[in-house]
N, C-alpha and C. Protein backbone atom coordinates (compact mmCIF):
# COMPACT_ATOMS: atom_id res chain seq x y z
N GLN A 1 15.35 60.52 19.96
CA GLN A 1 16.04 59.55 20.34
C GLN A 1 15.65 58.51 18.19
N VAL A 2 15.66 58.83 18.09
CA VAL A 2 15.12 58.63 15.91
C VAL A 2 16.52 59.14 15.50
N LEU A 3 16.45 60.31 15.69
CA LEU A 3 17.72 60.60 14.42
C LEU A 3 18.48 60.54 14.58
N GLU A 4 19.26 60.70 16.05
CA GLU A 4 20.78 60.39 16.64
C GLU A 4 21.20 59.23 16.93
N ALA A 5 20.16 58.36 16.39
CA ALA A 5 20.77 57.13 16.57
C ALA A 5 20.62 57.07 14.61
N GLN A 6 20.58 57.46 13.35
CA GLN A 6 20.93 57.84 12.33
C GLN A 6 22.81 57.49 12.39
N PRO A 7 22.84 56.63 11.36
CA PRO A 7 24.79 57.14 11.31
C PRO A 7 25.51 58.50 10.98
N ALA A 8 24.46 59.33 9.95
CA ALA A 8 24.89 60.20 9.50
C ALA A 8 24.86 60.93 9.83
N LEU A 9 24.30 60.69 11.20
CA LEU A 9 23.45 61.99 11.97
C LEU A 9 24.15 62.31 13.66
N GLY A 10 24.76 61.04 13.55
CA GLY A 10 24.81 60.33 14.96
C GLY A 10 26.52 59.80 15.13
N GLY A 11 27.28 60.01 13.89
CA GLY A 11 28.67 59.82 13.63
C GLY A 11 30.00 60.49 13.47
N ALA A 12 31.14 60.80 14.14
CA ALA A 12 32.31 61.11 14.23
C ALA A 12 31.81 62.62 13.73
N GLY A 13 32.56 63.02 14.64
CA GLY A 13 32.68 64.61 13.24
C GLY A 13 31.38 65.39 12.84
N VAL A 14 30.34 64.40 13.51
CA VAL A 14 29.21 65.68 12.85
C VAL A 14 28.20 66.17 14.09
N GLY A 15 28.61 66.93 14.99
CA GLY A 15 28.32 67.26 16.59
C GLY A 15 26.79 68.59 15.98
N PRO A 16 27.00 68.58 17.16
CA PRO A 16 26.15 70.37 17.72
C PRO A 16 26.63 71.99 16.84
N SER A 17 28.15 71.03 16.76
CA SER A 17 28.45 72.68 16.72
C SER A 17 29.41 72.36 15.35
N VAL A 18 28.99 71.96 14.25
CA VAL A 18 28.83 71.63 13.41
C VAL A 18 28.17 71.32 11.91
N LEU A 19 26.77 71.26 12.83
CA LEU A 19 25.48 70.81 11.94
C LEU A 19 24.56 71.85 12.00
N THR A 20 25.10 72.57 10.32
CA THR A 20 24.04 73.53 10.42
C THR A 20 23.65 73.63 9.01
N PRO A 21 22.17 74.10 9.15
CA PRO A 21 21.37 74.05 7.91
C PRO A 21 22.22 74.10 6.45
N ARG A 22 23.27 75.51 6.28
CA ARG A 22 24.34 74.65 5.40
C ARG A 22 25.06 73.41 4.76
N SER A 23 26.10 73.14 6.23
CA SER A 23 27.03 71.94 5.85
C SER A 23 26.13 71.16 6.22
N LEU A 24 24.99 70.95 6.11
CA LEU A 24 24.11 68.91 6.19
C LEU A 24 23.29 69.38 5.10
N THR A 25 23.08 70.28 4.33
CA THR A 25 22.66 70.63 2.40
C THR A 25 23.76 69.80 2.31
N GLN A 26 24.62 71.09 1.97
CA GLN A 26 25.85 69.95 1.44
C GLN A 26 25.97 68.49 1.68
N ASP A 27 26.67 68.21 2.78
CA ASP A 27 26.52 67.04 2.27
C ASP A 27 25.40 66.25 2.04
N TRP A 28 24.75 66.29 2.33
CA TRP A 28 23.01 65.74 1.74
C TRP A 28 23.57 65.17 0.12
N VAL A 29 23.63 66.82 -0.29
CA VAL A 29 23.50 66.48 -2.26
C VAL A 29 25.46 66.21 -2.56
N LYS A 30 25.74 65.92 -1.64
CA LYS A 30 26.86 65.01 -2.26
C LYS A 30 26.70 63.32 -1.83
N GLY A 31 26.26 63.33 -1.07
CA GLY A 31 25.22 61.85 -0.43
C GLY A 31 26.66 61.80 0.48
N ASN A 32 26.50 61.78 0.99
CA ASN A 32 27.23 62.10 2.21
C ASN A 32 26.19 61.59 3.44
N VAL A 33 24.65 62.69 3.29
CA VAL A 33 23.99 61.83 4.73
C VAL A 33 22.34 61.70 3.48
N SER A 34 21.78 60.56 4.31
CA SER A 34 21.18 59.59 3.58
C SER A 34 19.84 60.52 3.39
N ASN A 35 19.02 60.54 2.22
CA ASN A 35 17.63 61.18 2.08
C ASN A 35 16.75 60.88 3.46
N PHE A 36 16.75 59.71 4.10
CA PHE A 36 16.43 59.37 5.26
C PHE A 36 16.71 60.89 6.26
N ASP A 37 17.55 60.24 6.24
CA ASP A 37 18.74 61.51 7.81
C ASP A 37 18.14 62.65 7.30
N TYR A 38 18.98 63.32 6.21
CA TYR A 38 17.95 64.41 5.68
C TYR A 38 16.50 65.08 6.04
N LEU A 39 15.97 64.39 5.91
CA LEU A 39 14.51 64.49 5.87
C LEU A 39 13.82 64.19 8.01
N MET A 40 14.46 63.56 8.36
CA MET A 40 14.24 63.42 9.55
C MET A 40 14.95 64.62 10.28
N TRP A 41 16.11 65.12 9.69
CA TRP A 41 17.30 66.20 10.32
C TRP A 41 15.81 67.67 10.07
N LEU A 42 15.34 67.53 8.71
CA LEU A 42 14.41 68.90 8.19
C LEU A 42 12.95 68.36 8.67
N ASN A 43 12.52 67.39 9.53
CA ASN A 43 11.57 67.52 9.91
C ASN A 43 11.49 68.12 12.03
N ARG A 44 12.99 67.88 12.25
CA ARG A 44 13.44 68.08 13.60
C ARG A 44 13.32 69.63 13.91
N GLU A 45 14.15 70.01 12.82
CA GLU A 45 13.93 71.68 12.91
C GLU A 45 12.83 72.19 12.36
N ALA A 46 11.43 71.85 12.12
CA ALA A 46 10.79 72.07 11.53
C ALA A 46 9.85 72.15 13.24
N GLY A 47 10.47 71.76 13.95
CA GLY A 47 9.26 71.63 15.28
C GLY A 47 8.53 70.32 15.15
N ARG A 48 8.49 69.57 14.04
CA ARG A 48 7.85 68.61 14.68
C ARG A 48 8.21 67.14 15.36
N SER A 49 7.17 66.20 15.69
CA SER A 49 7.97 65.16 16.79
C SER A 49 7.02 64.32 16.51
N PHE A 50 7.19 63.06 16.86
CA PHE A 50 6.28 61.61 17.38
C PHE A 50 5.59 62.06 17.90
N ASN A 51 5.25 63.03 19.60
CA ASN A 51 5.39 62.69 20.27
C ASN A 51 3.83 63.63 20.26
N ASP A 52 3.84 64.02 19.55
CA ASP A 52 2.92 65.49 19.17
C ASP A 52 2.18 64.87 17.61
N LEU A 53 1.04 64.98 17.50
CA LEU A 53 -0.34 64.02 16.49
C LEU A 53 -0.31 65.37 15.59
N THR A 54 -0.23 67.33 15.58
CA THR A 54 -0.75 67.90 15.59
C THR A 54 0.62 68.36 14.42
N GLN A 55 1.89 67.70 14.71
CA GLN A 55 3.12 68.25 14.46
C GLN A 55 4.01 66.93 14.27
N TYR A 56 3.54 65.72 13.68
CA TYR A 56 3.75 64.89 13.29
C TYR A 56 5.08 64.79 12.73
N PRO A 57 6.20 64.67 12.42
CA PRO A 57 6.84 64.32 11.24
C PRO A 57 6.86 63.44 9.26
N VAL A 58 6.60 64.22 9.00
CA VAL A 58 6.34 63.70 7.98
C VAL A 58 7.49 64.07 6.35
N PHE A 59 6.65 62.34 5.58
CA PHE A 59 7.85 61.82 4.50
C PHE A 59 6.29 61.77 3.27
N PRO A 60 7.85 61.89 2.38
CA PRO A 60 6.39 62.27 1.20
C PRO A 60 6.79 60.54 0.32
N TRP A 61 4.86 60.61 -0.47
CA TRP A 61 5.20 59.58 -1.37
C TRP A 61 6.08 59.93 -1.93
N VAL A 62 6.72 59.19 -2.63
CA VAL A 62 7.73 58.59 -3.81
C VAL A 62 8.00 57.72 -4.43
N ILE A 63 6.91 56.62 -5.01
CA ILE A 63 6.36 55.12 -5.46
C ILE A 63 5.09 56.02 -6.42
N THR A 64 4.76 55.55 -7.02
CA THR A 64 3.37 56.80 -7.72
C THR A 64 2.43 54.90 -8.75
N ASP A 65 3.26 53.98 -9.16
CA ASP A 65 2.78 52.82 -9.48
C ASP A 65 2.00 51.11 -8.09
N PHE A 66 0.97 51.70 -7.67
CA PHE A 66 0.73 50.04 -6.93
C PHE A 66 -0.31 49.68 -7.12
N SER A 67 -0.22 48.45 -8.07
CA SER A 67 -1.60 48.27 -8.95
C SER A 67 -0.51 46.97 -9.72
N SER A 68 1.19 47.08 -9.95
CA SER A 68 1.59 46.16 -10.58
C SER A 68 2.42 45.60 -9.66
N THR A 69 2.66 43.81 -10.32
CA THR A 69 2.92 42.74 -8.87
C THR A 69 4.38 43.27 -9.01
N PHE A 70 5.28 44.06 -9.91
CA PHE A 70 6.15 43.82 -10.27
C PHE A 70 7.01 45.31 -10.18
N LEU A 71 7.69 46.55 -9.03
CA LEU A 71 7.63 47.57 -9.62
C LEU A 71 9.13 47.92 -10.47
N ASP A 72 8.69 48.27 -11.52
CA ASP A 72 10.16 48.89 -12.41
C ASP A 72 10.46 50.08 -11.94
N LEU A 73 11.77 49.86 -11.32
CA LEU A 73 12.34 51.09 -11.98
C LEU A 73 13.22 51.52 -12.03
N SER A 74 13.40 51.25 -13.03
CA SER A 74 13.81 51.65 -14.47
C SER A 74 13.01 52.65 -15.01
N THR A 75 11.10 52.18 -15.09
CA THR A 75 10.91 53.68 -15.36
C THR A 75 10.29 54.78 -14.42
N ARG A 76 10.73 55.90 -15.39
CA ARG A 76 10.44 56.78 -15.15
C ARG A 76 8.95 57.65 -14.24
N SER A 77 8.02 56.66 -14.82
CA SER A 77 6.65 56.86 -14.59
C SER A 77 6.14 55.83 -12.86
N THR A 78 7.13 55.45 -12.50
CA THR A 78 7.06 55.04 -11.08
C THR A 78 6.70 55.40 -9.86
N PHE A 79 8.26 56.68 -9.80
CA PHE A 79 8.51 57.45 -9.29
C PHE A 79 7.64 58.78 -9.05
N ARG A 80 7.53 59.41 -7.97
CA ARG A 80 6.79 60.35 -8.32
C ARG A 80 7.59 62.07 -8.63
N ASP A 81 6.76 62.64 -9.25
CA ASP A 81 7.75 63.67 -10.18
C ASP A 81 7.61 65.09 -7.44
N LEU A 82 9.49 64.87 -7.02
CA LEU A 82 9.19 65.27 -5.98
C LEU A 82 9.39 66.60 -6.28
N SER A 83 9.48 67.42 -7.44
CA SER A 83 10.16 69.31 -7.71
C SER A 83 8.18 69.23 -7.47
N LYS A 84 6.73 68.66 -6.91
CA LYS A 84 6.07 69.03 -6.71
C LYS A 84 5.15 69.09 -5.44
N PRO A 85 4.49 69.73 -4.98
CA PRO A 85 4.05 69.27 -3.67
C PRO A 85 2.92 68.43 -4.42
N ILE A 86 2.35 67.48 -3.33
CA ILE A 86 0.57 67.02 -3.82
C ILE A 86 0.38 67.20 -4.44
N GLY A 87 -0.73 68.61 -3.92
CA GLY A 87 -1.92 69.19 -4.69
C GLY A 87 -1.37 69.74 -6.17
N ALA A 88 -0.68 69.27 -6.72
CA ALA A 88 0.01 69.90 -8.21
C ALA A 88 0.38 68.66 -8.62
N LEU A 89 0.81 68.02 -8.87
CA LEU A 89 0.55 66.48 -8.45
C LEU A 89 -0.54 66.45 -10.44
N ASN A 90 -1.63 67.01 -9.88
CA ASN A 90 -1.97 66.04 -10.67
C ASN A 90 -2.54 67.55 -11.57
N PRO A 91 -2.55 68.12 -12.57
CA PRO A 91 -2.60 69.55 -13.43
C PRO A 91 -4.12 69.23 -13.57
N ARG A 92 -5.07 68.52 -13.66
CA ARG A 92 -6.81 69.08 -13.92
C ARG A 92 -7.15 69.28 -12.44
N ARG A 93 -6.95 68.69 -11.33
CA ARG A 93 -7.22 69.38 -9.64
C ARG A 93 -6.65 70.15 -9.81
N LEU A 94 -5.50 70.66 -10.27
CA LEU A 94 -5.08 71.77 -9.82
C LEU A 94 -4.97 72.74 -10.37
N ASP A 95 -6.00 72.61 -11.93
CA ASP A 95 -6.71 73.87 -12.29
C ASP A 95 -8.06 73.94 -11.73
N ILE A 96 -8.39 73.07 -11.19
CA ILE A 96 -9.26 73.72 -10.63
C ILE A 96 -9.20 74.54 -8.89
N CYS A 97 -7.73 73.99 -8.66
CA CYS A 97 -7.58 74.61 -7.52
C CYS A 97 -7.14 76.34 -7.44
N LYS A 98 -6.93 76.97 -8.69
CA LYS A 98 -6.35 77.70 -9.42
C LYS A 98 -7.83 78.91 -9.51
N LEU A 99 -8.47 78.16 -10.61
CA LEU A 99 -9.65 79.10 -11.23
C LEU A 99 -10.39 79.28 -9.01
N ARG A 100 -10.49 78.58 -8.31
CA ARG A 100 -11.16 79.16 -7.27
C ARG A 100 -9.68 80.29 -6.49
N TYR A 101 -8.90 80.36 -6.57
CA TYR A 101 -8.23 80.88 -5.84
C TYR A 101 -8.90 82.35 -6.45
N ASN A 102 -8.61 82.09 -8.19
CA ASN A 102 -8.65 83.23 -8.56
C ASN A 102 -10.63 84.12 -8.68
N GLU A 103 -10.56 83.13 -8.16
CA GLU A 103 -13.06 83.72 -8.18
C GLU A 103 -12.56 84.00 -7.22
N MET A 104 -11.82 83.55 -6.31
CA MET A 104 -11.64 84.08 -3.87
C MET A 104 -10.96 86.01 -4.58
N GLN A 105 -10.40 85.90 -5.55
CA GLN A 105 -9.94 86.99 -5.31
C GLN A 105 -10.57 88.68 -6.29
N LEU A 106 -10.48 87.64 -6.71
CA LEU A 106 -12.28 88.81 -6.98
C LEU A 106 -13.39 89.03 -6.63
N ALA A 107 -13.57 87.93 -5.60
CA ALA A 107 -14.39 88.79 -4.60
C ALA A 107 -13.74 89.18 -3.37
N ASN A 108 -12.40 88.98 -3.69
CA ASN A 108 -11.99 90.13 -1.96
C ASN A 108 -12.51 91.51 -2.69
N MET A 109 -12.09 91.78 -4.24
CA MET A 109 -11.79 92.64 -4.98
C MET A 109 -13.37 93.71 -4.10
N GLU A 110 -14.59 92.74 -4.40
CA GLU A 110 -15.35 93.53 -4.57
C GLU A 110 -16.31 93.65 -3.22
N MET A 111 -15.64 93.58 -2.23
CA MET A 111 -15.75 93.64 -0.72
C MET A 111 -14.57 94.65 -0.51
N ASP A 112 -15.76 95.07 1.20
CA ASP A 112 -14.45 96.67 1.88
C ASP A 112 -13.71 95.86 2.70
N ASP A 113 -12.43 96.76 2.73
CA ASP A 113 -11.94 95.68 3.58
C ASP A 113 -12.72 94.84 5.18
N ASP A 114 -13.42 95.83 5.94
CA ASP A 114 -13.59 95.32 7.26
C ASP A 114 -14.88 94.13 6.81
N ASN A 115 -14.84 93.95 6.20
CA ASN A 115 -16.36 92.56 5.48
C ASN A 115 -15.68 91.20 6.36
N PRO A 116 -16.83 90.71 6.78
CA PRO A 116 -16.24 90.08 8.29
C PRO A 116 -16.17 88.81 6.80
N MET A 117 -16.35 88.53 5.18
CA MET A 117 -16.63 87.45 4.48
C MET A 117 -15.34 87.78 3.79
N LYS A 118 -14.16 88.36 4.25
CA LYS A 118 -13.67 88.92 3.24
C LYS A 118 -12.86 87.43 3.20
N THR A 119 -12.38 86.74 2.93
CA THR A 119 -10.60 85.53 3.76
C THR A 119 -9.48 85.49 2.30
N PRO A 120 -8.70 85.53 3.05
CA PRO A 120 -7.07 85.95 1.63
C PRO A 120 -7.58 84.63 1.27
N PRO A 121 -7.87 84.70 -0.42
CA PRO A 121 -7.26 83.71 -1.18
C PRO A 121 -5.79 82.09 -1.31
N PHE A 122 -6.70 81.21 -1.58
CA PHE A 122 -5.76 80.39 -0.60
C PHE A 122 -6.13 78.64 -2.29
N LEU A 123 -4.40 78.69 -2.75
CA LEU A 123 -4.63 77.37 -3.72
C LEU A 123 -5.22 76.22 -3.11
N PHE A 124 -5.09 75.65 -2.13
CA PHE A 124 -5.04 74.52 -0.93
C PHE A 124 -6.25 74.66 0.31
N GLY A 125 -7.40 73.83 -0.28
CA GLY A 125 -8.26 74.29 1.07
C GLY A 125 -7.58 73.40 2.51
N CYS A 126 -6.81 72.26 2.41
CA CYS A 126 -6.58 71.53 3.30
C CYS A 126 -4.66 70.52 3.31
N HIS A 127 -4.43 70.62 4.45
CA HIS A 127 -2.73 70.46 4.67
C HIS A 127 -2.66 68.67 4.36
N TYR A 128 -0.70 68.96 3.85
CA TYR A 128 -0.43 67.49 4.30
C TYR A 128 0.02 66.54 4.74
N SER A 129 -0.46 67.19 6.11
CA SER A 129 -0.69 66.23 7.19
C SER A 129 -1.75 67.21 8.61
N THR A 130 -2.61 66.34 9.29
CA THR A 130 -2.93 66.74 9.66
C THR A 130 -3.39 65.17 11.40
N PRO A 131 -3.85 65.32 12.18
CA PRO A 131 -3.31 64.58 13.15
C PRO A 131 -4.81 63.05 12.71
N GLY A 132 -6.25 63.39 12.15
CA GLY A 132 -6.70 62.63 10.82
C GLY A 132 -5.83 61.42 10.29
N PHE A 133 -4.84 62.49 8.99
CA PHE A 133 -4.05 61.78 8.35
C PHE A 133 -3.33 60.13 9.17
N VAL A 134 -2.72 60.81 10.38
CA VAL A 134 -1.23 60.04 10.94
C VAL A 134 -2.18 58.91 11.46
N VAL A 135 -3.48 59.34 12.25
CA VAL A 135 -3.57 57.80 12.60
C VAL A 135 -4.31 56.85 11.47
N TYR A 136 -4.86 58.02 10.54
CA TYR A 136 -5.37 56.82 9.58
C TYR A 136 -4.01 55.78 9.42
N TYR A 137 -2.82 55.93 9.02
CA TYR A 137 -2.20 55.15 8.33
C TYR A 137 -1.45 54.28 9.41
N LEU A 138 -2.02 55.01 10.62
CA LEU A 138 -1.31 54.13 12.21
C LEU A 138 -2.39 53.12 12.40
N LEU A 139 -3.68 52.97 11.42
CA LEU A 139 -4.44 52.09 13.29
C LEU A 139 -3.70 50.52 13.36
N ARG A 140 -3.63 50.23 11.81
CA ARG A 140 -3.38 49.04 13.14
C ARG A 140 -1.98 48.42 13.61
N GLU A 141 -0.86 49.76 13.45
CA GLU A 141 0.06 49.42 14.27
C GLU A 141 0.17 49.92 15.94
N ASN A 142 -1.02 50.76 15.81
CA ASN A 142 -1.19 52.42 16.74
C ASN A 142 -2.74 52.25 16.74
N PRO A 143 -4.02 51.37 16.74
CA PRO A 143 -4.78 51.86 17.02
C PRO A 143 -5.85 52.46 18.21
N GLN A 144 -5.40 52.34 19.48
CA GLN A 144 -5.48 53.07 20.75
C GLN A 144 -5.21 54.87 20.19
N LEU A 145 -4.54 55.64 19.29
CA LEU A 145 -4.62 57.10 18.48
C LEU A 145 -5.84 57.26 17.43
N MET A 146 -6.13 56.40 17.49
CA MET A 146 -7.88 56.43 16.18
C MET A 146 -8.44 56.38 17.56
N LEU A 147 -8.85 55.55 18.44
CA LEU A 147 -9.72 55.17 19.65
C LEU A 147 -10.01 56.68 20.62
N ARG A 148 -8.51 57.37 20.93
CA ARG A 148 -8.49 58.66 21.68
C ARG A 148 -8.96 59.46 20.54
N LEU A 149 -8.65 60.24 19.81
CA LEU A 149 -8.83 60.92 18.26
C LEU A 149 -10.75 60.23 18.45
N GLN A 150 -11.21 59.66 18.48
CA GLN A 150 -12.62 59.78 17.81
C GLN A 150 -13.13 58.78 19.57
N ASN A 151 -13.13 59.33 20.00
CA ASN A 151 -13.30 59.04 21.22
C ASN A 151 -14.17 57.99 21.95
N GLY A 152 -13.06 56.69 21.58
CA GLY A 152 -13.86 55.38 21.92
C GLY A 152 -14.16 54.68 21.28
N LYS A 153 -13.84 55.44 19.27
CA LYS A 153 -14.69 54.13 18.80
C LYS A 153 -13.77 54.02 17.00
N PHE A 154 -13.70 53.69 16.18
CA PHE A 154 -13.17 53.93 14.66
C PHE A 154 -14.08 54.60 14.13
N ASP A 155 -12.92 54.60 13.00
CA ASP A 155 -14.17 55.94 11.86
C ASP A 155 -14.81 55.05 10.99
N MET A 156 -15.44 55.68 10.75
CA MET A 156 -16.79 54.68 10.08
C MET A 156 -15.48 53.87 9.04
N ALA A 157 -16.09 52.64 8.28
CA ALA A 157 -15.23 51.97 8.08
C ALA A 157 -15.38 52.68 6.34
N ASP A 158 -16.01 53.03 5.86
CA ASP A 158 -15.38 53.66 4.18
C ASP A 158 -13.95 55.13 4.87
N ARG A 159 -14.06 55.00 5.67
CA ARG A 159 -12.70 56.40 6.04
C ARG A 159 -11.74 55.04 6.60
N LEU A 160 -10.67 54.46 6.48
CA LEU A 160 -10.32 54.02 7.23
C LEU A 160 -9.50 53.90 6.15
N LEU A 161 -8.33 53.20 5.99
CA LEU A 161 -7.08 52.46 5.62
C LEU A 161 -7.27 51.27 4.71
N GLY A 162 -7.84 51.44 3.20
CA GLY A 162 -7.69 49.82 2.51
C GLY A 162 -7.44 49.85 2.26
N SER A 163 -6.73 50.25 1.20
CA SER A 163 -5.38 49.36 0.30
C SER A 163 -4.62 50.92 0.64
N MET A 164 -2.70 51.14 -0.33
CA MET A 164 -3.07 51.83 -0.39
C MET A 164 -2.58 52.31 -2.68
N SER A 165 -4.11 51.16 -2.84
CA SER A 165 -3.58 51.86 -4.48
C SER A 165 -4.84 53.68 -4.01
N GLU A 166 -5.80 51.82 -3.06
CA GLU A 166 -7.16 53.25 -3.76
C GLU A 166 -6.54 54.89 -2.58
N THR A 167 -5.67 54.78 -1.13
CA THR A 167 -5.39 55.98 -0.75
C THR A 167 -4.76 56.91 -1.77
N PHE A 168 -4.03 56.65 -2.52
CA PHE A 168 -3.14 57.29 -3.75
C PHE A 168 -3.79 57.78 -4.44
N THR A 169 -4.70 56.79 -5.54
CA THR A 169 -5.82 57.20 -5.59
C THR A 169 -6.25 58.36 -5.37
N SER A 170 -7.38 58.18 -4.19
CA SER A 170 -7.57 59.80 -3.40
C SER A 170 -6.96 60.86 -3.18
N VAL A 171 -5.52 60.30 -2.55
CA VAL A 171 -4.59 61.49 -3.27
C VAL A 171 -4.22 62.61 -4.51
N MET A 172 -4.39 61.45 -5.37
CA MET A 172 -4.17 62.59 -6.10
C MET A 172 -5.54 62.76 -7.66
N THR A 173 -6.29 62.37 -6.78
CA THR A 173 -7.50 62.94 -7.59
C THR A 173 -8.49 63.78 -6.47
N ASN A 174 -8.18 63.50 -5.17
CA ASN A 174 -9.36 64.77 -4.69
C ASN A 174 -9.53 65.50 -4.49
N PRO A 175 -9.83 67.01 -4.22
CA PRO A 175 -9.82 67.86 -3.84
C PRO A 175 -9.25 68.67 -2.25
N THR A 176 -10.00 67.40 -1.92
CA THR A 176 -10.11 67.90 -0.32
C THR A 176 -9.03 66.58 0.26
N ASP A 177 -7.70 65.74 -0.24
CA ASP A 177 -7.84 65.11 0.19
C ASP A 177 -5.71 64.81 -0.64
N LEU A 178 -4.94 66.23 1.02
CA LEU A 178 -3.41 65.70 0.11
C LEU A 178 -2.65 65.20 0.90
N LYS A 179 -2.96 64.20 1.67
CA LYS A 179 -1.68 63.55 2.96
C LYS A 179 -0.50 63.20 2.30
N GLU A 180 0.59 63.65 2.46
CA GLU A 180 2.05 63.02 2.27
C GLU A 180 1.52 61.85 2.88
N LEU A 181 3.07 60.37 3.30
CA LEU A 181 3.28 59.57 4.40
C LEU A 181 4.06 60.11 5.90
N THR A 182 4.14 59.40 6.32
CA THR A 182 4.79 59.24 7.60
C THR A 182 5.63 58.22 8.00
N PRO A 183 6.70 58.49 8.64
CA PRO A 183 8.41 58.23 8.52
C PRO A 183 7.90 56.96 8.87
N GLU A 184 7.35 55.85 9.49
CA GLU A 184 6.67 54.99 9.64
C GLU A 184 6.80 53.65 8.21
N PHE A 185 6.54 53.84 7.63
CA PHE A 185 7.05 54.24 5.55
C PHE A 185 7.87 53.54 5.45
N TYR A 186 8.97 54.28 5.73
CA TYR A 186 10.11 53.99 5.06
C TYR A 186 10.90 53.46 7.09
N THR A 187 10.43 52.87 7.95
CA THR A 187 11.45 52.22 8.84
C THR A 187 10.63 51.58 9.31
N LEU A 188 9.26 50.75 9.09
CA LEU A 188 9.29 49.38 9.35
C LEU A 188 8.35 48.89 8.68
N PRO A 189 8.85 47.77 9.24
CA PRO A 189 8.30 46.64 7.83
C PRO A 189 7.07 46.93 7.52
N PRO A 190 6.38 46.02 6.79
CA PRO A 190 5.20 46.60 5.54
C PRO A 190 3.85 46.02 6.73
N THR A 191 4.20 44.95 7.89
CA THR A 191 3.01 44.36 8.08
C THR A 191 2.76 45.03 9.27
N PHE A 192 3.47 46.85 9.57
CA PHE A 192 2.49 47.41 9.69
C PHE A 192 1.08 48.00 9.96
N LEU A 193 0.77 47.89 7.71
CA LEU A 193 -0.44 47.61 7.62
C LEU A 193 -1.20 46.49 7.11
N VAL A 194 -0.63 45.51 8.36
CA VAL A 194 -1.53 44.51 9.26
C VAL A 194 -2.56 44.38 9.68
N ASN A 195 -3.43 43.84 9.72
CA ASN A 195 -4.52 44.26 11.07
C ASN A 195 -4.42 42.26 11.78
N THR A 196 -2.30 42.80 12.45
CA THR A 196 -2.42 41.58 13.04
C THR A 196 -2.89 41.16 14.70
N GLU A 197 -4.14 41.63 14.95
CA GLU A 197 -4.54 41.75 16.25
C GLU A 197 -6.29 40.99 16.00
N GLY A 198 -6.11 41.52 14.86
CA GLY A 198 -7.60 40.99 14.25
C GLY A 198 -8.26 41.95 14.75
N LEU A 199 -8.72 42.92 14.45
CA LEU A 199 -9.44 44.20 14.93
C LEU A 199 -10.59 44.45 14.60
N ASP A 200 -11.97 44.53 14.90
CA ASP A 200 -12.91 44.19 13.28
C ASP A 200 -13.61 46.37 13.16
N PHE A 201 -12.58 46.17 12.63
CA PHE A 201 -13.00 47.91 11.60
C PHE A 201 -14.50 47.79 10.95
N GLY A 202 -15.19 46.82 11.18
CA GLY A 202 -17.15 47.33 10.70
C GLY A 202 -16.32 46.69 9.26
N LEU A 203 -17.95 47.46 8.28
CA LEU A 203 -17.98 46.75 7.36
C LEU A 203 -18.19 48.13 6.09
N LYS A 204 -18.06 48.41 5.39
CA LYS A 204 -18.35 49.52 3.99
C LYS A 204 -19.96 49.80 3.67
N GLN A 205 -20.36 50.60 3.24
CA GLN A 205 -21.49 50.89 2.33
C GLN A 205 -21.86 49.39 1.53
N SER A 206 -20.76 48.76 0.74
CA SER A 206 -20.99 48.67 -0.02
C SER A 206 -20.99 47.03 0.40
N GLY A 207 -20.95 46.38 1.77
CA GLY A 207 -20.39 45.02 2.33
C GLY A 207 -19.52 44.53 2.73
N GLU A 208 -18.43 45.42 2.53
CA GLU A 208 -16.90 44.48 2.32
C GLU A 208 -16.57 44.92 3.53
N LYS A 209 -15.57 43.92 3.76
CA LYS A 209 -15.27 44.21 5.81
C LYS A 209 -13.47 44.90 5.41
N VAL A 210 -13.59 45.99 6.67
CA VAL A 210 -12.20 46.38 6.35
C VAL A 210 -11.38 45.29 7.71
N ASP A 211 -10.57 44.57 7.07
CA ASP A 211 -9.45 44.23 7.79
C ASP A 211 -8.22 44.97 8.50
């Protein structure tokens, strides 16, 4: 329904018979389809749905500056390099991942094919979208989602979303944190990140209250 409500995909002349990957991509390249519409279409074609936390729609980080009072949209460094996956944006972390990959490859070469410890080498050990990541972002908009996932309790305060700056720093530096964003960051007002219901999310180990 969200997809069909988008003007570029629901207007005249854009019906199921002509909506092919090639034609839609060409329309996107020409600017006839917005970035949002195109990403929503890709999510749908990949089988992602707002009704399934395990296959929730994925949207990328675009802004990288979460410390400035005002964003300078004319500065290249304000924006994320979208030619690379989130795990490759930090060269130092990428080198660590490559080193682990090579070590796994060498270890496999020394094992017999039927050895149960033999694991296909991988570059990144975690995913960019999981149910945990989705409820992390939607904690204040839909707190019941985390309560269902966490057996009626909120996660530990230190693991909850505290600020976008802290979250992006973790995404850029933590080897086990590669989460992208959700569509809500591009469709809802910023208040979806505000604890408007005054829920008690607990205290961090530092004593700071999570609001």
